[in-house]
Amino acid sequence: MHAVERALADRLPKPQGSALRARLDLDELEPGLRETLADLRRDVDGTSAPDNGLRTAIAARLADQQAAAALSAE
């Protein structure tokens, strides 16, 4: 999936391609961060669902970090 997105980034106009590359690089460095930030934005602007709020996003991010730490420890 990332290979397709990276190929798309090369075809986009420079500003959009740069933004997509930055997002993909962030996804590689910190999996789940983009989703956490999106949930935070929805929570702040009031568009988040009552049962799918920021706490769920933070819990998922912490679980991702713990899983990554466990893999790197092996």
C-alpha atoms as a PDB file:
ATOM      1  CA  MET A   1       0.000   0.000   0.000  1.00  0.00           C
ATOM      2  CA  HIS A   2       2.749   2.451   0.883  1.00  0.00           C
ATOM      3  CA  ALA A   3       4.513   1.726  -2.420  1.00  0.00           C
ATOM      4  CA  VAL A   4       1.388   2.765  -4.317  1.00  0.00           C
ATOM      5  CA  GLU A   5       1.020   5.892  -2.184  1.00  0.00           C
ATOM      6  CA  ARG A   6       4.690   6.784  -2.711  1.00  0.00           C
ATOM      7  CA  ALA A   7       4.271   6.372  -6.475  1.00  0.00           C
ATOM      8  CA  LEU A   8       1.235   8.650  -6.290  1.00  0.00           C
ATOM      9  CA  ALA A   9       3.256  11.221  -4.337  1.00  0.00           C
ATOM     10  CA  ASP A  10       5.690  11.410  -7.260  1.00  0.00           C
ATOM     11  CA  ARG A  11       2.840  12.237  -9.668  1.00  0.00           C
ATOM     12  CA  LEU A  12       1.129  14.881  -7.546  1.00  0.00           C
ATOM     13  CA  PRO A  13       1.951  18.585  -7.747  1.00  0.00           C
ATOM     14  CA  LYS A  14       4.904  19.440  -5.517  1.00  0.00           C
ATOM     15  CA  PRO A  15       2.999  20.766  -2.444  1.00  0.00           C
ATOM     16  CA  GLN A  16       0.566  17.829  -2.330  1.00  0.00           C
ATOM     17  CA  GLY A  17       3.323  15.311  -3.062  1.00  0.00           C
ATOM     18  CA  SER A  18       5.446  16.734  -0.257  1.00  0.00           C
ATOM     19  CA  ALA A  19       2.529  16.556   2.173  1.00  0.00           C
ATOM     20  CA  LEU A  20       1.790  12.943   1.225  1.00  0.00           C
ATOM     21  CA  ARG A  21       5.461  11.957   1.578  1.00  0.00           C
ATOM     22  CA  ALA A  22       5.585  13.608   5.019  1.00  0.00           C
ATOM     23  CA  ARG A  23       2.473  11.700   6.099  1.00  0.00           C
ATOM     24  CA  LEU A  24       3.914   8.416   4.846  1.00  0.00           C
ATOM     25  CA  ASP A  25       7.218   9.082   6.622  1.00  0.00           C
ATOM     26  CA  LEU A  26       5.328   9.848   9.841  1.00  0.00           C
ATOM     27  CA  ASP A  27       3.331   6.629   9.480  1.00  0.00           C
ATOM     28  CA  GLU A  28       6.588   4.669   9.193  1.00  0.00           C
ATOM     29  CA  LEU A  29       8.096   6.343  12.265  1.00  0.00           C
ATOM     30  CA  GLU A  30       5.027   6.285  14.516  1.00  0.00           C
ATOM     31  CA  PRO A  31       2.306   3.852  13.416  1.00  0.00           C
ATOM     32  CA  GLY A  32      -1.112   5.032  14.529  1.00  0.00           C
ATOM     33  CA  LEU A  33      -0.122   8.632  15.206  1.00  0.00           C
ATOM     34  CA  ARG A  34      -2.098   9.983  12.245  1.00  0.00           C
ATOM     35  CA  GLU A  35      -5.262   8.264  13.470  1.00  0.00           C
ATOM     36  CA  THR A  36      -4.700   9.548  17.001  1.00  0.00           C
ATOM     37  CA  LEU A  37      -4.299  13.107  15.733  1.00  0.00           C
ATOM     38  CA  ALA A  38      -7.408  12.764  13.560  1.00  0.00           C
ATOM     39  CA  ASP A  39      -9.415  11.555  16.571  1.00  0.00           C
ATOM     40  CA  LEU A  40      -8.061  14.436  18.637  1.00  0.00           C
ATOM     41  CA  ARG A  41      -9.126  16.900  15.927  1.00  0.00           C
ATOM     42  CA  ARG A  42     -12.632  15.379  15.809  1.00  0.00           C
ATOM     43  CA  ASP A  43     -12.855  15.471  19.605  1.00  0.00           C
ATOM     44  CA  VAL A  44     -11.876  19.149  19.666  1.00  0.00           C
ATOM     45  CA  ASP A  45     -14.174  20.258  16.843  1.00  0.00           C
ATOM     46  CA  GLY A  46     -17.094  18.258  18.245  1.00  0.00           C
ATOM     47  CA  THR A  47     -17.538  15.825  15.360  1.00  0.00           C
ATOM     48  CA  SER A  48     -16.401  12.688  17.178  1.00  0.00           C
ATOM     49  CA  ALA A  49     -18.890   9.970  18.009  1.00  0.00           C
ATOM     50  CA  PRO A  50     -19.650   9.694  21.739  1.00  0.00           C
ATOM     51  CA  ASP A  51     -18.555   6.045  21.815  1.00  0.00           C
ATOM     52  CA  ASN A  52     -15.424   6.496  19.667  1.00  0.00           C
ATOM     53  CA  GLY A  53     -13.526   9.323  21.233  1.00  0.00           C
ATOM     54  CA  LEU A  54     -10.048  10.345  22.086  1.00  0.00           C
ATOM     55  CA  ARG A  55      -9.608   7.767  24.855  1.00  0.00           C
ATOM     56  CA  THR A  56     -10.002   4.950  22.352  1.00  0.00           C
ATOM     57  CA  ALA A  57      -7.462   6.547  20.026  1.00  0.00           C
ATOM     58  CA  ILE A  58      -4.932   7.027  22.805  1.00  0.00           C
ATOM     59  CA  ALA A  59      -5.420   3.459  24.024  1.00  0.00           C
ATOM     60  CA  ALA A  60      -4.835   2.171  20.489  1.00  0.00           C
ATOM     61  CA  ARG A  61      -1.703   4.293  20.144  1.00  0.00           C
ATOM     62  CA  LEU A  62      -0.299   3.036  23.437  1.00  0.00           C
ATOM     63  CA  ALA A  63      -1.019  -0.544  22.381  1.00  0.00           C
ATOM     64  CA  ASP A  64       0.828   0.090  19.095  1.00  0.00           C
ATOM     65  CA  GLN A  65       3.808   1.499  20.984  1.00  0.00           C
ATOM     66  CA  GLN A  66       3.897  -1.473  23.372  1.00  0.00           C
ATOM     67  CA  ALA A  67       3.719  -3.916  20.468  1.00  0.00           C
ATOM     68  CA  ALA A  68       6.541  -2.112  18.673  1.00  0.00           C
ATOM     69  CA  ALA A  69       8.648  -2.113  21.845  1.00  0.00           C
ATOM     70  CA  ALA A  70       8.063  -5.837  22.313  1.00  0.00           C
ATOM     71  CA  LEU A  71       9.123  -6.533  18.724  1.00  0.00           C
ATOM     72  CA  SER A  72      12.275  -4.449  18.998  1.00  0.00           C
ATOM     73  CA  ALA A  73      13.199  -6.191  22.276  1.00  0.00           C
ATOM     74  CA  GLU A  74      13.182  -9.598  20.593  1.00  0.00           C
END
